[in-house]
């Protein structure tokens, strides 16, 4: 499934990506593809502290740069 990326932050070879989808609508994914077809391993989901239902956020192995991401089971 493809999602728009709201923001991303890279540090120490990992990237936290926040997506334009509510965390409650997010099934469990194990891999991600960027627009160029590069494969990233999904390390874990994170839960931002916000009021209301937060957007889905996850940590990828590697440096991700892009505006859209495709998540795979």
Protein backbone atom coordinates (compact mmCIF):
# COMPACT_ATOMS: atom_id res chain seq x y z
CA UNK A 1 0.00 0.00 0.00
CA UNK A 2 1.33 3.48 -0.87
CA UNK A 3 1.32 6.38 1.59
CA UNK A 4 2.39 10.03 1.46
CA UNK A 5 5.29 10.93 3.74
CA UNK A 6 4.67 13.94 6.02
CA UNK A 7 8.17 14.05 7.47
CA UNK A 8 11.32 11.98 7.84
CA UNK A 9 14.35 12.21 10.12
CA UNK A 10 17.56 10.21 9.62
CA UNK A 11 20.17 9.43 12.26
CA UNK A 12 22.82 6.70 12.59
CA UNK A 13 21.72 4.83 9.46
CA UNK A 14 18.04 4.72 10.42
CA UNK A 15 15.10 6.90 9.37
CA UNK A 16 11.90 7.69 11.25
CA UNK A 17 9.11 8.33 8.75
CA UNK A 18 5.72 9.87 9.59
CA UNK A 19 2.93 8.99 7.17
CA UNK A 20 -0.29 10.69 6.14
CA UNK A 21 -2.51 7.97 7.66
CA UNK A 22 -3.93 7.47 11.14
CA UNK A 23 -2.04 4.96 13.26
CA UNK A 24 -5.30 3.02 13.79
CA UNK A 25 -5.51 2.33 10.02
CA UNK A 26 -2.04 0.81 9.90
CA UNK A 27 -1.55 -2.96 9.66
CA UNK A 28 1.83 -4.54 10.42
CA UNK A 29 4.39 -4.18 7.65
CA UNK A 30 7.90 -5.63 7.44
CA UNK A 31 9.38 -3.84 4.40
CA UNK A 32 9.10 -0.59 2.46
CA UNK A 33 9.94 0.59 -1.06
CA UNK A 34 10.80 4.12 -2.13
CA UNK A 35 9.94 5.60 -5.55
CA UNK A 36 13.22 4.25 -7.00
CA UNK A 37 12.48 0.68 -5.86
CA UNK A 38 15.01 0.63 -3.01
CA UNK A 39 14.02 -1.82 -0.28
CA UNK A 40 14.04 -0.83 3.41
CA UNK A 41 13.46 -3.06 6.43
CA UNK A 42 10.77 -1.80 8.85
CA UNK A 43 12.38 -2.03 12.30
CA UNK A 44 9.46 -0.89 14.43
CA UNK A 45 6.43 1.35 14.64
CA UNK A 46 6.58 4.43 16.86
CA UNK A 47 3.73 6.30 18.51
CA UNK A 48 4.09 10.09 18.60
CA UNK A 49 2.69 11.86 21.66
CA UNK A 50 -0.18 13.97 20.34
CA UNK A 51 -3.75 14.67 21.30
CA UNK A 52 -6.27 12.75 19.24
CA UNK A 53 -5.36 9.94 16.88
CA UNK A 54 -1.72 10.33 15.76
CA UNK A 55 -0.37 9.68 12.28
CA UNK A 56 1.45 6.41 11.70
CA UNK A 57 5.19 6.61 12.22
CA UNK A 58 7.83 3.93 11.73
CA UNK A 59 11.58 3.41 11.83
CA UNK A 60 13.32 2.12 8.71
CA UNK A 61 16.79 0.63 8.40
CA UNK A 62 18.72 2.90 6.05
CA UNK A 63 18.46 6.50 4.89
CA UNK A 64 15.08 7.21 3.29
CA UNK A 65 14.45 10.34 1.23
CA UNK A 66 11.20 10.83 -0.62
CA UNK A 67 7.61 12.00 -0.60
CA UNK A 68 5.85 8.64 -0.94
CA UNK A 69 6.48 5.16 0.37
CA UNK A 70 5.06 1.74 -0.41
CA UNK A 71 4.75 -0.64 2.54
CA UNK A 72 4.88 -4.42 2.09
CA UNK A 73 3.91 -7.36 4.32
